[in-house]
Amino acid sequence: MAISRLLAVLFCCMVGLTFSSFMNNTARATVGACLTVAAVFVLPLFAWFAAGDQLSERVAAMLAYVSPLVVALNELPGGWDALRDLYALHLWTMSLACAAMLAVAWVRLNVLLRQG
């Protein structure tokens, strides 16, 4: 579970770095990064809430596994087995998203440095 929290923090940092490399205004980059992080953390929570009523548990788990908040809440007593089965996929998804954002930010910053 500690690795999931570490990846959540790393994800937030990478979103901020990526937005900062594309925006020419720090305030816009901060707002964009905060909205993106909030969307990734909070929007899958609605699928988690809808499980059983409007969505099957398996479909809701597939929609909600991305969110570190949902994964952390699922560790409480009474969590779904369907979401626990996706824990490794959650770690891989967050890791690959962080690596992709780092690569995009690195390329963008190299382009900016060459332009002067």
N, C-alpha and C. Protein backbone atom coordinates (compact mmCIF):
# COMPACT_ATOMS: atom_id res chain seq x y z
N MET A 1 0.82 -1.20 0.00
CA MET A 1 0.00 0.00 0.00
C MET A 1 0.86 1.26 0.00
N ALA A 2 2.05 1.18 0.59
CA ALA A 2 2.92 2.35 0.64
C ALA A 2 3.38 2.75 -0.76
N ILE A 3 3.57 1.78 -1.63
CA ILE A 3 4.01 2.10 -2.99
C ILE A 3 2.92 2.86 -3.74
N SER A 4 1.66 2.57 -3.44
CA SER A 4 0.55 3.28 -4.08
C SER A 4 0.54 4.75 -3.67
N ARG A 5 0.80 4.99 -2.39
CA ARG A 5 0.85 6.39 -1.92
C ARG A 5 2.03 7.13 -2.53
N LEU A 6 3.16 6.46 -2.64
CA LEU A 6 4.33 7.06 -3.26
C LEU A 6 4.07 7.39 -4.72
N LEU A 7 3.42 6.47 -5.43
CA LEU A 7 3.08 6.73 -6.83
C LEU A 7 2.06 7.86 -6.97
N ALA A 8 1.16 7.99 -6.01
CA ALA A 8 0.19 9.09 -6.06
C ALA A 8 0.89 10.44 -5.93
N VAL A 9 1.86 10.52 -5.03
CA VAL A 9 2.63 11.76 -4.87
C VAL A 9 3.45 12.03 -6.12
N LEU A 10 4.09 11.00 -6.65
CA LEU A 10 4.89 11.14 -7.87
C LEU A 10 4.02 11.56 -9.04
N PHE A 11 2.83 11.00 -9.13
CA PHE A 11 1.89 11.37 -10.18
C PHE A 11 1.55 12.86 -10.11
N CYS A 12 1.26 13.35 -8.91
CA CYS A 12 0.95 14.78 -8.75
C CYS A 12 2.12 15.65 -9.18
N CYS A 13 3.32 15.25 -8.82
CA CYS A 13 4.51 16.01 -9.21
C CYS A 13 4.71 16.00 -10.72
N MET A 14 4.50 14.85 -11.34
CA MET A 14 4.69 14.75 -12.79
C MET A 14 3.63 15.55 -13.55
N VAL A 15 2.41 15.57 -13.05
CA VAL A 15 1.37 16.39 -13.69
C VAL A 15 1.77 17.86 -13.60
N GLY A 16 2.24 18.28 -12.43
CA GLY A 16 2.67 19.67 -12.27
C GLY A 16 3.85 20.01 -13.18
N LEU A 17 4.81 19.11 -13.28
CA LEU A 17 5.97 19.33 -14.15
C LEU A 17 5.54 19.42 -15.61
N THR A 18 4.66 18.53 -16.03
CA THR A 18 4.22 18.52 -17.42
C THR A 18 3.44 19.78 -17.76
N PHE A 19 2.53 20.17 -16.89
CA PHE A 19 1.78 21.40 -17.16
C PHE A 19 2.71 22.61 -17.14
N SER A 20 3.68 22.64 -16.25
CA SER A 20 4.62 23.78 -16.20
C SER A 20 5.48 23.87 -17.45
N SER A 21 5.76 22.74 -18.06
CA SER A 21 6.60 22.78 -19.26
C SER A 21 5.83 23.26 -20.49
N PHE A 22 4.50 23.19 -20.46
CA PHE A 22 3.71 23.62 -21.61
C PHE A 22 3.07 24.99 -21.44
N MET A 23 2.87 25.45 -20.23
CA MET A 23 2.21 26.74 -20.01
C MET A 23 3.27 27.82 -19.80
N ASN A 24 2.99 29.00 -20.30
CA ASN A 24 3.93 30.10 -20.10
C ASN A 24 3.56 30.97 -18.90
N ASN A 25 2.55 30.56 -18.17
CA ASN A 25 2.10 31.27 -16.99
C ASN A 25 2.00 30.26 -15.85
N THR A 26 2.66 30.54 -14.74
CA THR A 26 2.69 29.62 -13.61
C THR A 26 1.31 29.40 -13.01
N ALA A 27 0.51 30.45 -12.96
CA ALA A 27 -0.82 30.32 -12.37
C ALA A 27 -1.70 29.38 -13.20
N ARG A 28 -1.63 29.51 -14.52
CA ARG A 28 -2.41 28.62 -15.38
C ARG A 28 -1.94 27.18 -15.26
N ALA A 29 -0.65 26.99 -15.17
CA ALA A 29 -0.10 25.64 -15.02
C ALA A 29 -0.55 25.02 -13.70
N THR A 30 -0.56 25.80 -12.65
CA THR A 30 -0.99 25.30 -11.34
C THR A 30 -2.46 24.92 -11.35
N VAL A 31 -3.29 25.77 -11.91
CA VAL A 31 -4.73 25.49 -11.96
C VAL A 31 -5.00 24.26 -12.83
N GLY A 32 -4.36 24.18 -13.98
CA GLY A 32 -4.54 23.03 -14.86
C GLY A 32 -4.10 21.73 -14.21
N ALA A 33 -2.96 21.76 -13.53
CA ALA A 33 -2.46 20.57 -12.85
C ALA A 33 -3.38 20.16 -11.71
N CYS A 34 -3.84 21.13 -10.94
CA CYS A 34 -4.75 20.81 -9.82
C CYS A 34 -6.06 20.23 -10.31
N LEU A 35 -6.61 20.77 -11.40
CA LEU A 35 -7.86 20.24 -11.94
C LEU A 35 -7.67 18.83 -12.50
N THR A 36 -6.55 18.59 -13.14
CA THR A 36 -6.27 17.26 -13.69
C THR A 36 -6.11 16.24 -12.57
N VAL A 37 -5.36 16.59 -11.54
CA VAL A 37 -5.16 15.68 -10.41
C VAL A 37 -6.49 15.42 -9.70
N ALA A 38 -7.27 16.46 -9.52
CA ALA A 38 -8.58 16.28 -8.87
C ALA A 38 -9.47 15.36 -9.70
N ALA A 39 -9.43 15.51 -11.02
CA ALA A 39 -10.24 14.65 -11.88
C ALA A 39 -9.80 13.20 -11.79
N VAL A 40 -8.50 12.95 -11.77
CA VAL A 40 -8.01 11.58 -11.70
C VAL A 40 -8.30 10.96 -10.34
N PHE A 41 -8.23 11.74 -9.30
CA PHE A 41 -8.45 11.21 -7.96
C PHE A 41 -9.94 11.08 -7.63
N VAL A 42 -10.78 12.03 -8.06
CA VAL A 42 -12.16 12.10 -7.59
C VAL A 42 -13.17 11.50 -8.57
N LEU A 43 -13.04 11.72 -9.87
CA LEU A 43 -14.05 11.25 -10.80
C LEU A 43 -14.25 9.73 -10.77
N PRO A 44 -13.20 8.91 -10.67
CA PRO A 44 -13.45 7.46 -10.57
C PRO A 44 -14.20 7.06 -9.29
N LEU A 45 -14.23 7.95 -8.32
CA LEU A 45 -14.96 7.66 -7.10
C LEU A 45 -16.46 7.50 -7.37
N PHE A 46 -16.98 8.22 -8.38
CA PHE A 46 -18.39 8.10 -8.72
C PHE A 46 -18.72 6.71 -9.26
N ALA A 47 -17.81 6.11 -10.03
CA ALA A 47 -18.02 4.74 -10.48
C ALA A 47 -18.03 3.78 -9.29
N TRP A 48 -17.18 4.06 -8.33
CA TRP A 48 -17.11 3.22 -7.13
C TRP A 48 -18.42 3.31 -6.34
N PHE A 49 -18.97 4.53 -6.26
CA PHE A 49 -20.25 4.71 -5.55
C PHE A 49 -21.41 4.05 -6.29
N ALA A 50 -21.33 4.02 -7.63
CA ALA A 50 -22.43 3.48 -8.43
C ALA A 50 -22.39 1.96 -8.53
N ALA A 51 -21.38 1.33 -8.00
CA ALA A 51 -21.25 -0.12 -8.11
C ALA A 51 -22.40 -0.82 -7.41
N GLY A 52 -22.94 -1.79 -8.09
CA GLY A 52 -24.03 -2.57 -7.52
C GLY A 52 -25.40 -2.01 -7.86
N ASP A 53 -25.54 -0.69 -7.92
CA ASP A 53 -26.83 -0.08 -8.24
C ASP A 53 -26.98 0.13 -9.76
N GLN A 54 -26.12 0.96 -10.33
CA GLN A 54 -26.21 1.23 -11.76
C GLN A 54 -25.17 0.46 -12.58
N LEU A 55 -24.10 0.06 -11.97
CA LEU A 55 -23.01 -0.65 -12.66
C LEU A 55 -22.72 -1.96 -11.96
N SER A 56 -22.28 -2.92 -12.73
CA SER A 56 -21.84 -4.16 -12.08
C SER A 56 -20.52 -3.88 -11.37
N GLU A 57 -20.18 -4.71 -10.39
CA GLU A 57 -18.95 -4.48 -9.62
C GLU A 57 -17.72 -4.53 -10.51
N ARG A 58 -17.71 -5.44 -11.47
CA ARG A 58 -16.54 -5.58 -12.34
C ARG A 58 -16.34 -4.35 -13.21
N VAL A 59 -17.42 -3.83 -13.80
CA VAL A 59 -17.33 -2.63 -14.64
C VAL A 59 -16.92 -1.43 -13.79
N ALA A 60 -17.51 -1.28 -12.63
CA ALA A 60 -17.17 -0.17 -11.74
C ALA A 60 -15.72 -0.26 -11.30
N ALA A 61 -15.24 -1.46 -11.04
CA ALA A 61 -13.84 -1.62 -10.64
C ALA A 61 -12.91 -1.23 -11.79
N MET A 62 -13.27 -1.59 -13.02
CA MET A 62 -12.44 -1.22 -14.17
C MET A 62 -12.41 0.30 -14.38
N LEU A 63 -13.48 0.98 -14.04
CA LEU A 63 -13.50 2.44 -14.16
C LEU A 63 -12.80 3.13 -12.99
N ALA A 64 -12.80 2.50 -11.84
CA ALA A 64 -12.33 3.16 -10.62
C ALA A 64 -10.90 2.81 -10.24
N TYR A 65 -10.30 1.80 -10.85
CA TYR A 65 -8.98 1.36 -10.39
C TYR A 65 -7.88 2.39 -10.59
N VAL A 66 -8.08 3.36 -11.44
CA VAL A 66 -7.05 4.37 -11.72
C VAL A 66 -6.82 5.28 -10.52
N SER A 67 -7.86 5.56 -9.78
CA SER A 67 -7.79 6.54 -8.70
C SER A 67 -7.06 5.99 -7.47
N PRO A 68 -5.99 6.66 -7.03
CA PRO A 68 -5.34 6.25 -5.79
C PRO A 68 -6.26 6.38 -4.58
N LEU A 69 -7.20 7.31 -4.63
CA LEU A 69 -8.15 7.49 -3.53
C LEU A 69 -9.06 6.27 -3.42
N VAL A 70 -9.57 5.79 -4.54
CA VAL A 70 -10.44 4.62 -4.53
C VAL A 70 -9.68 3.38 -4.07
N VAL A 71 -8.45 3.23 -4.55
CA VAL A 71 -7.64 2.08 -4.15
C VAL A 71 -7.38 2.12 -2.64
N ALA A 72 -7.11 3.29 -2.10
CA ALA A 72 -6.87 3.41 -0.66
C ALA A 72 -8.15 3.13 0.14
N LEU A 73 -9.28 3.65 -0.32
CA LEU A 73 -10.53 3.41 0.38
C LEU A 73 -10.96 1.95 0.30
N ASN A 74 -10.55 1.29 -0.75
CA ASN A 74 -10.90 -0.12 -0.91
C ASN A 74 -10.16 -1.01 0.09
N GLU A 75 -9.11 -0.52 0.68
CA GLU A 75 -8.37 -1.30 1.68
C GLU A 75 -9.07 -1.34 3.03
N LEU A 76 -10.09 -0.52 3.21
CA LEU A 76 -10.88 -0.56 4.44
C LEU A 76 -11.67 -1.87 4.48
N PRO A 77 -12.10 -2.29 5.67
CA PRO A 77 -12.89 -3.52 5.76
C PRO A 77 -14.15 -3.43 4.89
N GLY A 78 -14.44 -4.50 4.20
CA GLY A 78 -15.61 -4.53 3.31
C GLY A 78 -15.30 -4.10 1.90
N GLY A 79 -14.01 -3.99 1.52
CA GLY A 79 -13.64 -3.60 0.16
C GLY A 79 -13.98 -4.69 -0.83
N TRP A 80 -13.99 -4.32 -2.11
CA TRP A 80 -14.33 -5.27 -3.16
C TRP A 80 -13.16 -6.15 -3.50
N ASP A 81 -13.47 -7.38 -3.77
CA ASP A 81 -12.43 -8.28 -4.29
C ASP A 81 -12.12 -7.95 -5.74
N ALA A 82 -13.12 -7.46 -6.48
CA ALA A 82 -12.91 -7.10 -7.89
C ALA A 82 -11.87 -6.00 -8.02
N LEU A 83 -11.87 -5.04 -7.10
CA LEU A 83 -10.90 -3.96 -7.16
C LEU A 83 -9.55 -4.39 -6.60
N ARG A 84 -9.56 -5.27 -5.63
CA ARG A 84 -8.29 -5.79 -5.10
C ARG A 84 -7.53 -6.57 -6.16
N ASP A 85 -8.26 -7.22 -7.05
CA ASP A 85 -7.62 -7.96 -8.13
C ASP A 85 -6.92 -7.03 -9.12
N LEU A 86 -7.32 -5.78 -9.16
CA LEU A 86 -6.74 -4.81 -10.10
C LEU A 86 -5.64 -3.96 -9.47
N TYR A 87 -5.20 -4.30 -8.28
CA TYR A 87 -4.18 -3.49 -7.60
C TYR A 87 -2.88 -3.44 -8.40
N ALA A 88 -2.42 -4.57 -8.92
CA ALA A 88 -1.18 -4.58 -9.71
C ALA A 88 -1.35 -3.74 -10.98
N LEU A 89 -2.53 -3.82 -11.59
CA LEU A 89 -2.78 -3.00 -12.78
C LEU A 89 -2.78 -1.51 -12.43
N HIS A 90 -3.30 -1.18 -11.25
CA HIS A 90 -3.27 0.21 -10.79
C HIS A 90 -1.82 0.71 -10.65
N LEU A 91 -0.97 -0.11 -10.06
CA LEU A 91 0.43 0.28 -9.90
C LEU A 91 1.11 0.46 -11.25
N TRP A 92 0.85 -0.45 -12.18
CA TRP A 92 1.44 -0.32 -13.52
C TRP A 92 0.91 0.91 -14.25
N THR A 93 -0.37 1.17 -14.14
CA THR A 93 -0.97 2.33 -14.81
C THR A 93 -0.38 3.63 -14.28
N MET A 94 -0.28 3.74 -12.97
CA MET A 94 0.28 4.96 -12.38
C MET A 94 1.76 5.11 -12.74
N SER A 95 2.50 4.01 -12.72
CA SER A 95 3.93 4.06 -13.06
C SER A 95 4.14 4.48 -14.51
N LEU A 96 3.37 3.89 -15.42
CA LEU A 96 3.51 4.24 -16.83
C LEU A 96 3.06 5.66 -17.11
N ALA A 97 2.02 6.12 -16.42
CA ALA A 97 1.58 7.51 -16.59
C ALA A 97 2.67 8.47 -16.13
N CYS A 98 3.31 8.17 -15.00
CA CYS A 98 4.40 9.02 -14.50
C CYS A 98 5.57 9.03 -15.47
N ALA A 99 5.93 7.87 -15.99
CA ALA A 99 7.05 7.78 -16.93
C ALA A 99 6.73 8.53 -18.22
N ALA A 100 5.50 8.41 -18.70
CA ALA A 100 5.11 9.11 -19.93
C ALA A 100 5.13 10.62 -19.73
N MET A 101 4.62 11.09 -18.61
CA MET A 101 4.63 12.54 -18.35
C MET A 101 6.05 13.05 -18.19
N LEU A 102 6.92 12.27 -17.56
CA LEU A 102 8.31 12.68 -17.42
C LEU A 102 8.98 12.78 -18.79
N ALA A 103 8.71 11.82 -19.66
CA ALA A 103 9.30 11.85 -21.00
C ALA A 103 8.78 13.04 -21.81
N VAL A 104 7.49 13.30 -21.74
CA VAL A 104 6.91 14.43 -22.47
C VAL A 104 7.48 15.75 -21.95
N ALA A 105 7.56 15.90 -20.64
CA ALA A 105 8.11 17.14 -20.06
C ALA A 105 9.58 17.29 -20.42
N TRP A 106 10.32 16.19 -20.42
CA TRP A 106 11.75 16.25 -20.76
C TRP A 106 11.94 16.70 -22.21
N VAL A 107 11.16 16.13 -23.12
CA VAL A 107 11.26 16.53 -24.53
C VAL A 107 10.87 17.98 -24.69
N ARG A 108 9.80 18.40 -24.07
CA ARG A 108 9.35 19.79 -24.18
C ARG A 108 10.39 20.77 -23.63
N LEU A 109 10.97 20.43 -22.48
CA LEU A 109 11.97 21.33 -21.91
C LEU A 109 13.24 21.37 -22.76
N ASN A 110 13.61 20.25 -23.39
CA ASN A 110 14.74 20.27 -24.32
C ASN A 110 14.46 21.18 -25.52
N VAL A 111 13.25 21.13 -26.04
CA VAL A 111 12.88 22.01 -27.15
C VAL A 111 12.96 23.46 -26.70
N LEU A 112 12.46 23.76 -25.54
CA LEU A 112 12.49 25.15 -25.04
C LEU A 112 13.91 25.64 -24.81
N LEU A 113 14.79 24.75 -24.30
CA LEU A 113 16.18 25.15 -24.08
C LEU A 113 16.91 25.41 -25.40
N ARG A 114 16.60 24.66 -26.42
CA ARG A 114 17.24 24.87 -27.72
C ARG A 114 16.77 26.15 -28.39
N GLN A 115 15.51 26.53 -28.12
CA GLN A 115 14.98 27.76 -28.69
C GLN A 115 15.58 29.00 -28.03
N GLY A 116 16.02 28.85 -26.82
CA GLY A 116 16.67 29.96 -26.13
C GLY A 116 15.83 30.73 -25.26
